[in-house]
Amino acid sequence: MSGFDGAVVNHQGVTFGIAVVRPSVLNSPNEREEAILEFSQIFGSIPTVLMAQDSRGVPTYFGRKDIVDLLSSVPMESIPWQHYTLRGAA
């Protein structure tokens, strides 16, 4: 992984990281858990949520239930997306 799209969000007093992943990652329990662990190392001590979009651009979130519920009411375009570049990645 040389980089990824994601965001750090502080919404209603909760700070968390969102990482964009392929839909296949959300469909595989093993890949989901692996991705959460990987991105948690990048985001640090804040909770990490995964997000994938379907072919129509509709987002699906995976992570802590309270954050996923919160994100269901947040328009995607209001999330401060950015591209993260990982140093030393092959």
PDB file of N, CA and C in Angstrom:
ATOM      1  N   MET A   1       0.848  -1.177   0.000  1.00  0.00           N
ATOM      2  CA  MET A   1       0.000   0.000   0.000  1.00  0.00           C
ATOM      3  C   MET A   1       0.891   1.237   0.000  1.00  0.00           C
ATOM      4  N   SER A   2       0.840   2.049  -1.069  1.00  0.00           N
ATOM      5  CA  SER A   2       1.675   3.242  -1.127  1.00  0.00           C
ATOM      6  C   SER A   2       0.902   4.481  -0.715  1.00  0.00           C
ATOM      7  N   GLY A   3      -0.399   4.397  -0.701  1.00  0.00           N
ATOM      8  CA  GLY A   3      -1.228   5.518  -0.282  1.00  0.00           C
ATOM      9  C   GLY A   3      -2.688   5.113  -0.304  1.00  0.00           C
ATOM     10  N   PHE A   4      -3.517   5.968   0.263  1.00  0.00           N
ATOM     11  CA  PHE A   4      -4.947   5.674   0.281  1.00  0.00           C
ATOM     12  C   PHE A   4      -5.715   6.969   0.456  1.00  0.00           C
ATOM     13  N   ASP A   5      -7.004   6.921   0.127  1.00  0.00           N
ATOM     14  CA  ASP A   5      -7.888   8.049   0.369  1.00  0.00           C
ATOM     15  C   ASP A   5      -8.584   7.819   1.696  1.00  0.00           C
ATOM     16  N   GLY A   6      -8.724   8.887   2.441  1.00  0.00           N
ATOM     17  CA  GLY A   6      -9.362   8.770   3.738  1.00  0.00           C
ATOM     18  C   GLY A   6      -9.627  10.133   4.333  1.00  0.00           C
ATOM     19  N   ALA A   7      -9.993  10.132   5.603  1.00  0.00           N
ATOM     20  CA  ALA A   7     -10.298  11.385   6.289  1.00  0.00           C
ATOM     21  C   ALA A   7     -10.203  11.174   7.791  1.00  0.00           C
ATOM     22  N   VAL A   8      -9.887  12.253   8.481  1.00  0.00           N
ATOM     23  CA  VAL A   8     -10.018  12.286   9.932  1.00  0.00           C
ATOM     24  C   VAL A   8     -11.169  13.236  10.199  1.00  0.00           C
ATOM     25  N   VAL A   9     -12.157  12.755  10.923  1.00  0.00           N
ATOM     26  CA  VAL A   9     -13.394  13.500  11.131  1.00  0.00           C
ATOM     27  C   VAL A   9     -13.628  13.700  12.617  1.00  0.00           C
ATOM     28  N   ASN A  10     -14.060  14.912  12.972  1.00  0.00           N
ATOM     29  CA  ASN A  10     -14.540  15.177  14.324  1.00  0.00           C
ATOM     30  C   ASN A  10     -15.978  15.632  14.153  1.00  0.00           C
ATOM     31  N   HIS A  11     -16.902  14.762  14.528  1.00  0.00           N
ATOM     32  CA  HIS A  11     -18.326  15.048  14.333  1.00  0.00           C
ATOM     33  C   HIS A  11     -19.062  14.749  15.624  1.00  0.00           C
ATOM     34  N   GLN A  12     -19.809  15.711  16.089  1.00  0.00           N
ATOM     35  CA  GLN A  12     -20.587  15.571  17.327  1.00  0.00           C
ATOM     36  C   GLN A  12     -19.715  15.078  18.483  1.00  0.00           C
ATOM     37  N   GLY A  13     -18.490  15.611  18.549  1.00  0.00           N
ATOM     38  CA  GLY A  13     -17.592  15.286  19.662  1.00  0.00           C
ATOM     39  C   GLY A  13     -16.861  13.963  19.538  1.00  0.00           C
ATOM     40  N   VAL A  14     -17.034  13.268  18.424  1.00  0.00           N
ATOM     41  CA  VAL A  14     -16.361  11.987  18.211  1.00  0.00           C
ATOM     42  C   VAL A  14     -15.336  12.173  17.097  1.00  0.00           C
ATOM     43  N   THR A  15     -14.071  11.823  17.355  1.00  0.00           N
ATOM     44  CA  THR A  15     -13.027  11.900  16.342  1.00  0.00           C
ATOM     45  C   THR A  15     -12.704  10.484  15.880  1.00  0.00           C
ATOM     46  N   PHE A  16     -12.639  10.299  14.565  1.00  0.00           N
ATOM     47  CA  PHE A  16     -12.373   8.970  14.016  1.00  0.00           C
ATOM     48  C   PHE A  16     -11.749   9.111  12.635  1.00  0.00           C
ATOM     49  N   GLY A  17     -11.122   8.024  12.169  1.00  0.00           N
ATOM     50  CA  GLY A  17     -10.538   7.987  10.840  1.00  0.00           C
ATOM     51  C   GLY A  17     -11.388   7.130   9.923  1.00  0.00           C
ATOM     52  N   ILE A  18     -11.459   7.539   8.656  1.00  0.00           N
ATOM     53  CA  ILE A  18     -12.160   6.756   7.641  1.00  0.00           C
ATOM     54  C   ILE A  18     -11.151   6.421   6.546  1.00  0.00           C
ATOM     55  N   ALA A  19     -11.087   5.159   6.152  1.00  0.00           N
ATOM     56  CA  ALA A  19     -10.220   4.726   5.060  1.00  0.00           C
ATOM     57  C   ALA A  19     -11.081   4.133   3.961  1.00  0.00           C
ATOM     58  N   VAL A  20     -10.816   4.552   2.728  1.00  0.00           N
ATOM     59  CA  VAL A  20     -11.553   4.033   1.572  1.00  0.00           C
ATOM     60  C   VAL A  20     -10.911   2.713   1.141  1.00  0.00           C
ATOM     61  N   VAL A  21     -11.749   1.694   0.990  1.00  0.00           N
ATOM     62  CA  VAL A  21     -11.279   0.364   0.580  1.00  0.00           C
ATOM     63  C   VAL A  21     -12.151  -0.154  -0.565  1.00  0.00           C
ATOM     64  N   ARG A  22     -11.700  -1.213  -1.211  1.00  0.00           N
ATOM     65  CA  ARG A  22     -12.498  -1.869  -2.254  1.00  0.00           C
ATOM     66  C   ARG A  22     -13.703  -2.573  -1.605  1.00  0.00           C
ATOM     67  N   PRO A  23     -14.817  -2.653  -2.327  1.00  0.00           N
ATOM     68  CA  PRO A  23     -15.987  -3.357  -1.784  1.00  0.00           C
ATOM     69  C   PRO A  23     -15.662  -4.786  -1.358  1.00  0.00           C
ATOM     70  N   SER A  24     -14.756  -5.459  -2.057  1.00  0.00           N
ATOM     71  CA  SER A  24     -14.421  -6.844  -1.706  1.00  0.00           C
ATOM     72  C   SER A  24     -13.834  -6.945  -0.294  1.00  0.00           C
ATOM     73  N   VAL A  25     -13.186  -5.876   0.166  1.00  0.00           N
ATOM     74  CA  VAL A  25     -12.628  -5.883   1.530  1.00  0.00           C
ATOM     75  C   VAL A  25     -13.761  -5.940   2.551  1.00  0.00           C
ATOM     76  N   LEU A  26     -14.820  -5.170   2.327  1.00  0.00           N
ATOM     77  CA  LEU A  26     -15.947  -5.176   3.264  1.00  0.00           C
ATOM     78  C   LEU A  26     -16.690  -6.502   3.256  1.00  0.00           C
ATOM     79  N   ASN A  27     -16.614  -7.230   2.142  1.00  0.00           N
ATOM     80  CA  ASN A  27     -17.317  -8.508   2.025  1.00  0.00           C
ATOM     81  C   ASN A  27     -16.561  -9.673   2.649  1.00  0.00           C
ATOM     82  N   SER A  28     -15.323  -9.458   3.060  1.00  0.00           N
ATOM     83  CA  SER A  28     -14.513 -10.523   3.642  1.00  0.00           C
ATOM     84  C   SER A  28     -14.166 -10.192   5.090  1.00  0.00           C
ATOM     85  N   PRO A  29     -14.703 -10.960   6.049  1.00  0.00           N
ATOM     86  CA  PRO A  29     -14.404 -10.679   7.459  1.00  0.00           C
ATOM     87  C   PRO A  29     -12.899 -10.610   7.749  1.00  0.00           C
ATOM     88  N   ASN A  30     -12.114 -11.524   7.158  1.00  0.00           N
ATOM     89  CA  ASN A  30     -10.670 -11.504   7.406  1.00  0.00           C
ATOM     90  C   ASN A  30     -10.028 -10.235   6.867  1.00  0.00           C
ATOM     91  N   GLU A  31     -10.376  -9.870   5.628  1.00  0.00           N
ATOM     92  CA  GLU A  31      -9.802  -8.660   5.024  1.00  0.00           C
ATOM     93  C   GLU A  31     -10.235  -7.403   5.769  1.00  0.00           C
ATOM     94  N   ARG A  32     -11.482  -7.385   6.240  1.00  0.00           N
ATOM     95  CA  ARG A  32     -11.972  -6.229   7.019  1.00  0.00           C
ATOM     96  C   ARG A  32     -11.121  -6.035   8.258  1.00  0.00           C
ATOM     97  N   GLU A  33     -10.935  -7.123   9.009  1.00  0.00           N
ATOM     98  CA  GLU A  33     -10.167  -7.019  10.259  1.00  0.00           C
ATOM     99  C   GLU A  33      -8.715  -6.627   9.988  1.00  0.00           C
ATOM    100  N   GLU A  34      -8.126  -7.194   8.930  1.00  0.00           N
ATOM    101  CA  GLU A  34      -6.753  -6.849   8.546  1.00  0.00           C
ATOM    102  C   GLU A  34      -6.647  -5.365   8.197  1.00  0.00           C
ATOM    103  N   ALA A  35      -7.618  -4.870   7.429  1.00  0.00           N
ATOM    104  CA  ALA A  35      -7.614  -3.465   7.023  1.00  0.00           C
ATOM    105  C   ALA A  35      -7.778  -2.546   8.228  1.00  0.00           C
ATOM    106  N   ILE A  36      -8.676  -2.900   9.139  1.00  0.00           N
ATOM    107  CA  ILE A  36      -8.863  -2.090  10.355  1.00  0.00           C
ATOM    108  C   ILE A  36      -7.539  -1.994  11.116  1.00  0.00           C
ATOM    109  N   LEU A  37      -6.844  -3.129  11.282  1.00  0.00           N
ATOM    110  CA  LEU A  37      -5.565  -3.125  11.993  1.00  0.00           C
ATOM    111  C   LEU A  37      -4.533  -2.253  11.281  1.00  0.00           C
ATOM    112  N   GLU A  38      -4.425  -2.392   9.959  1.00  0.00           N
ATOM    113  CA  GLU A  38      -3.461  -1.609   9.181  1.00  0.00           C
ATOM    114  C   GLU A  38      -3.736  -0.118   9.303  1.00  0.00           C
ATOM    115  N   PHE A  39      -4.975   0.277   9.071  1.00  0.00           N
ATOM    116  CA  PHE A  39      -5.303   1.699   9.100  1.00  0.00           C
ATOM    117  C   PHE A  39      -5.264   2.265  10.515  1.00  0.00           C
ATOM    118  N   SER A  40      -5.521   1.439  11.519  1.00  0.00           N
ATOM    119  CA  SER A  40      -5.423   1.897  12.911  1.00  0.00           C
ATOM    120  C   SER A  40      -3.997   2.306  13.245  1.00  0.00           C
ATOM    121  N   GLN A  41      -3.023   1.642  12.643  1.00  0.00           N
ATOM    122  CA  GLN A  41      -1.625   2.023  12.867  1.00  0.00           C
ATOM    123  C   GLN A  41      -1.348   3.406  12.283  1.00  0.00           C
ATOM    124  N   ILE A  42      -2.050   3.765  11.227  1.00  0.00           N
ATOM    125  CA  ILE A  42      -1.862   5.068  10.590  1.00  0.00           C
ATOM    126  C   ILE A  42      -2.624   6.155  11.342  1.00  0.00           C
ATOM    127  N   PHE A  43      -3.873   5.876  11.691  1.00  0.00           N
ATOM    128  CA  PHE A  43      -4.702   6.877  12.365  1.00  0.00           C
ATOM    129  C   PHE A  43      -4.373   7.025  13.851  1.00  0.00           C
ATOM    130  N   GLY A  44      -3.694   6.053  14.424  1.00  0.00           N
ATOM    131  CA  GLY A  44      -3.330   6.147  15.839  1.00  0.00           C
ATOM    132  C   GLY A  44      -4.453   5.686  16.741  1.00  0.00           C
ATOM    133  N   SER A  45      -4.641   6.398  17.842  1.00  0.00           N
ATOM    134  CA  SER A  45      -5.542   5.921  18.891  1.00  0.00           C
ATOM    135  C   SER A  45      -7.026   6.178  18.608  1.00  0.00           C
ATOM    136  N   ILE A  46      -7.348   6.878  17.526  1.00  0.00           N
ATOM    137  CA  ILE A  46      -8.770   7.128  17.228  1.00  0.00           C
ATOM    138  C   ILE A  46      -9.379   5.911  16.523  1.00  0.00           C
ATOM    139  N   PRO A  47     -10.678   5.701  16.683  1.00  0.00           N
ATOM    140  CA  PRO A  47     -11.324   4.569  16.009  1.00  0.00           C
ATOM    141  C   PRO A  47     -11.200   4.687  14.488  1.00  0.00           C
ATOM    142  N   THR A  48     -11.141   3.545  13.814  1.00  0.00           N
ATOM    143  CA  THR A  48     -11.025   3.494  12.361  1.00  0.00           C
ATOM    144  C   THR A  48     -12.271   2.861  11.762  1.00  0.00           C
ATOM    145  N   VAL A  49     -12.777   3.498  10.719  1.00  0.00           N
ATOM    146  CA  VAL A  49     -13.942   3.012   9.979  1.00  0.00           C
ATOM    147  C   VAL A  49     -13.505   2.797   8.534  1.00  0.00           C
ATOM    148  N   LEU A  50     -14.009   1.741   7.917  1.00  0.00           N
ATOM    149  CA  LEU A  50     -13.744   1.487   6.509  1.00  0.00           C
ATOM    150  C   LEU A  50     -14.946   1.943   5.688  1.00  0.00           C
ATOM    151  N   MET A  51     -14.672   2.443   4.467  1.00  0.00           N
ATOM    152  CA  MET A  51     -15.752   2.863   3.587  1.00  0.00           C
ATOM    153  C   MET A  51     -15.484   2.347   2.183  1.00  0.00           C
ATOM    154  N   ALA A  52     -16.504   1.756   1.572  1.00  0.00           N
ATOM    155  CA  ALA A  52     -16.438   1.337   0.178  1.00  0.00           C
ATOM    156  C   ALA A  52     -17.684   1.857  -0.517  1.00  0.00           C
ATOM    157  N   GLN A  53     -17.554   2.098  -1.835  1.00  0.00           N
ATOM    158  CA  GLN A  53     -18.696   2.566  -2.602  1.00  0.00           C
ATOM    159  C   GLN A  53     -19.102   1.503  -3.616  1.00  0.00           C
ATOM    160  N   ASP A  54     -20.409   1.421  -3.862  1.00  0.00           N
ATOM    161  CA  ASP A  54     -20.868   0.504  -4.893  1.00  0.00           C
ATOM    162  C   ASP A  54     -20.757   1.182  -6.264  1.00  0.00           C
ATOM    163  N   SER A  55     -21.212   0.534  -7.309  1.00  0.00           N
ATOM    164  CA  SER A  55     -21.054   1.057  -8.669  1.00  0.00           C
ATOM    165  C   SER A  55     -21.797   2.371  -8.889  1.00  0.00           C
ATOM    166  N   ARG A  56     -22.766   2.672  -8.038  1.00  0.00           N
ATOM    167  CA  ARG A  56     -23.496   3.946  -8.154  1.00  0.00           C
ATOM    168  C   ARG A  56     -22.911   5.021  -7.248  1.00  0.00           C
ATOM    169  N   GLY A  57     -21.846   4.662  -6.508  1.00  0.00           N
ATOM    170  CA  GLY A  57     -21.220   5.644  -5.616  1.00  0.00           C
ATOM    171  C   GLY A  57     -21.832   5.708  -4.228  1.00  0.00           C
ATOM    172  N   VAL A  58     -22.723   4.765  -3.923  1.00  0.00           N
ATOM    173  CA  VAL A  58     -23.363   4.745  -2.601  1.00  0.00           C
ATOM    174  C   VAL A  58     -22.386   4.145  -1.592  1.00  0.00           C
ATOM    175  N   PRO A  59     -22.093   4.874  -0.502  1.00  0.00           N
ATOM    176  CA  PRO A  59     -21.117   4.372   0.463  1.00  0.00           C
ATOM    177  C   PRO A  59     -21.691   3.331   1.418  1.00  0.00           C
ATOM    178  N   THR A  60     -20.830   2.394   1.817  1.00  0.00           N
ATOM    179  CA  THR A  60     -21.120   1.447   2.890  1.00  0.00           C
ATOM    180  C   THR A  60     -19.971   1.581   3.875  1.00  0.00           C
ATOM    181  N   TYR A  61     -20.297   1.704   5.149  1.00  0.00           N
ATOM    182  CA  TYR A  61     -19.284   1.869   6.190  1.00  0.00           C
ATOM    183  C   TYR A  61     -19.209   0.621   7.058  1.00  0.00           C
ATOM    184  N   PHE A  62     -18.017   0.353   7.579  1.00  0.00           N
ATOM    185  CA  PHE A  62     -17.830  -0.757   8.509  1.00  0.00           C
ATOM    186  C   PHE A  62     -16.939  -0.269   9.642  1.00  0.00           C
ATOM    187  N   GLY A  63     -17.366  -0.533  10.857  1.00  0.00           N
ATOM    188  CA  GLY A  63     -16.581  -0.150  12.017  1.00  0.00           C
ATOM    189  C   GLY A  63     -17.481  -0.076  13.237  1.00  0.00           C
ATOM    190  N   ARG A  64     -17.059   0.760  14.171  1.00  0.00           N
ATOM    191  CA  ARG A  64     -17.830   0.912  15.404  1.00  0.00           C
ATOM    192  C   ARG A  64     -19.256   1.345  15.090  1.00  0.00           C
ATOM    193  N   LYS A  65     -20.227   0.645  15.660  1.00  0.00           N
ATOM    194  CA  LYS A  65     -21.635   0.848  15.307  1.00  0.00           C
ATOM    195  C   LYS A  65     -22.095   2.292  15.487  1.00  0.00           C
ATOM    196  N   ASP A  66     -21.701   2.948  16.576  1.00  0.00           N
ATOM    197  CA  ASP A  66     -22.155   4.324  16.797  1.00  0.00           C
ATOM    198  C   ASP A  66     -21.628   5.258  15.704  1.00  0.00           C
ATOM    199  N   ILE A  67     -20.400   5.013  15.234  1.00  0.00           N
ATOM    200  CA  ILE A  67     -19.823   5.856  14.186  1.00  0.00           C
ATOM    201  C   ILE A  67     -20.475   5.555  12.840  1.00  0.00           C
ATOM    202  N   VAL A  68     -20.689   4.274  12.547  1.00  0.00           N
ATOM    203  CA  VAL A  68     -21.365   3.894  11.301  1.00  0.00           C
ATOM    204  C   VAL A  68     -22.764   4.511  11.270  1.00  0.00           C
ATOM    205  N   ASP A  69     -23.483   4.459  12.388  1.00  0.00           N
ATOM    206  CA  ASP A  69     -24.819   5.060  12.463  1.00  0.00           C
ATOM    207  C   ASP A  69     -24.747   6.565  12.230  1.00  0.00           C
ATOM    208  N   LEU A  70     -23.759   7.207  12.822  1.00  0.00           N
ATOM    209  CA  LEU A  70     -23.559   8.645  12.656  1.00  0.00           C
ATOM    210  C   LEU A  70     -23.289   8.986  11.184  1.00  0.00           C
ATOM    211  N   LEU A  71     -22.432   8.197  10.534  1.00  0.00           N
ATOM    212  CA  LEU A  71     -22.066   8.464   9.150  1.00  0.00           C
ATOM    213  C   LEU A  71     -23.237   8.285   8.185  1.00  0.00           C
ATOM    214  N   SER A  72     -24.214   7.487   8.577  1.00  0.00           N
ATOM    215  CA  SER A  72     -25.361   7.276   7.690  1.00  0.00           C
ATOM    216  C   SER A  72     -26.131   8.575   7.449  1.00  0.00           C
ATOM    217  N   SER A  73     -25.953   9.567   8.328  1.00  0.00           N
ATOM    218  CA  SER A  73     -26.664  10.844   8.164  1.00  0.00           C
ATOM    219  C   SER A  73     -25.738  11.969   7.698  1.00  0.00           C
ATOM    220  N   VAL A  74     -24.485  11.648   7.392  1.00  0.00           N
ATOM    221  CA  VAL A  74     -23.518  12.672   6.957  1.00  0.00           C
ATOM    222  C   VAL A  74     -23.320  12.557   5.445  1.00  0.00           C
ATOM    223  N   PRO A  75     -23.565  13.643   4.696  1.00  0.00           N
ATOM    224  CA  PRO A  75     -23.322  13.584   3.247  1.00  0.00           C
ATOM    225  C   PRO A  75     -21.835  13.348   2.965  1.00  0.00           C
ATOM    226  N   MET A  76     -21.546  12.456   2.027  1.00  0.00           N
ATOM    227  CA  MET A  76     -20.146  12.132   1.710  1.00  0.00           C
ATOM    228  C   MET A  76     -19.335  13.358   1.323  1.00  0.00           C
ATOM    229  N   GLU A  77     -19.978  14.309   0.637  1.00  0.00           N
ATOM    230  CA  GLU A  77     -19.224  15.475   0.193  1.00  0.00           C
ATOM    231  C   GLU A  77     -18.858  16.426   1.342  1.00  0.00           C
ATOM    232  N   SER A  78     -19.434  16.217   2.520  1.00  0.00           N
ATOM    233  CA  SER A  78     -19.056  17.061   3.653  1.00  0.00           C
ATOM    234  C   SER A  78     -17.888  16.467   4.455  1.00  0.00           C
ATOM    235  N   ILE A  79     -17.444  15.275   4.078  1.00  0.00           N
ATOM    236  CA  ILE A  79     -16.307  14.635   4.746  1.00  0.00           C
ATOM    237  C   ILE A  79     -15.018  15.191   4.125  1.00  0.00           C
ATOM    238  N   PRO A  80     -14.045  15.577   4.961  1.00  0.00           N
ATOM    239  CA  PRO A  80     -12.809  16.190   4.445  1.00  0.00           C
ATOM    240  C   PRO A  80     -11.831  15.161   3.862  1.00  0.00           C
ATOM    241  N   TRP A  81     -12.178  14.574   2.724  1.00  0.00           N
ATOM    242  CA  TRP A  81     -11.356  13.539   2.096  1.00  0.00           C
ATOM    243  C   TRP A  81     -10.003  14.101   1.689  1.00  0.00           C
ATOM    244  N   GLN A  82      -8.980  13.265   1.810  1.00  0.00           N
ATOM    245  CA  GLN A  82      -7.661  13.610   1.296  1.00  0.00           C
ATOM    246  C   GLN A  82      -6.923  12.326   0.937  1.00  0.00           C
ATOM    247  N   HIS A  83      -5.847  12.496   0.181  1.00  0.00           N
ATOM    248  CA  HIS A  83      -5.032  11.332  -0.171  1.00  0.00           C
ATOM    249  C   HIS A  83      -3.852  11.282   0.787  1.00  0.00           C
ATOM    250  N   TYR A  84      -3.674  10.143   1.429  1.00  0.00           N
ATOM    251  CA  TYR A  84      -2.552   9.930   2.344  1.00  0.00           C
ATOM    252  C   TYR A  84      -1.467   9.169   1.611  1.00  0.00           C
ATOM    253  N   THR A  85      -0.251   9.681   1.651  1.00  0.00           N
ATOM    254  CA  THR A  85       0.887   8.989   1.058  1.00  0.00           C
ATOM    255  C   THR A  85       1.690   8.377   2.188  1.00  0.00           C
ATOM    256  N   LEU A  86       2.001   7.095   2.035  1.00  0.00           N
ATOM    257  CA  LEU A  86       2.750   6.392   3.078  1.00  0.00           C
ATOM    258  C   LEU A  86       4.229   6.401   2.766  1.00  0.00           C
ATOM    259  N   ARG A  87       5.020   6.878   3.692  1.00  0.00           N
ATOM    260  CA  ARG A  87       6.474   6.903   3.507  1.00  0.00           C
ATOM    261  C   ARG A  87       7.042   5.498   3.576  1.00  0.00           C
ATOM    262  N   GLY A  88       8.015   5.229   2.743  1.00  0.00           N
ATOM    263  CA  GLY A  88       8.721   3.954   2.789  1.00  0.00           C
ATOM    264  C   GLY A  88       7.937   2.782   2.259  1.00  0.00           C
ATOM    265  N   ALA A  89       6.796   3.047   1.646  1.00  0.00           N
ATOM    266  CA  ALA A  89       5.996   1.944   1.097  1.00  0.00           C
ATOM    267  C   ALA A  89       6.582   1.512  -0.236  1.00  0.00           C
ATOM    268  N   ALA A  90       6.525   0.224  -0.494  1.00  0.00           N
ATOM    269  CA  ALA A  90       7.069  -0.296  -1.760  1.00  0.00           C
ATOM    270  C   ALA A  90       6.087  -0.111  -2.882  1.00  0.00           C
TER     271      ALA A  90
END
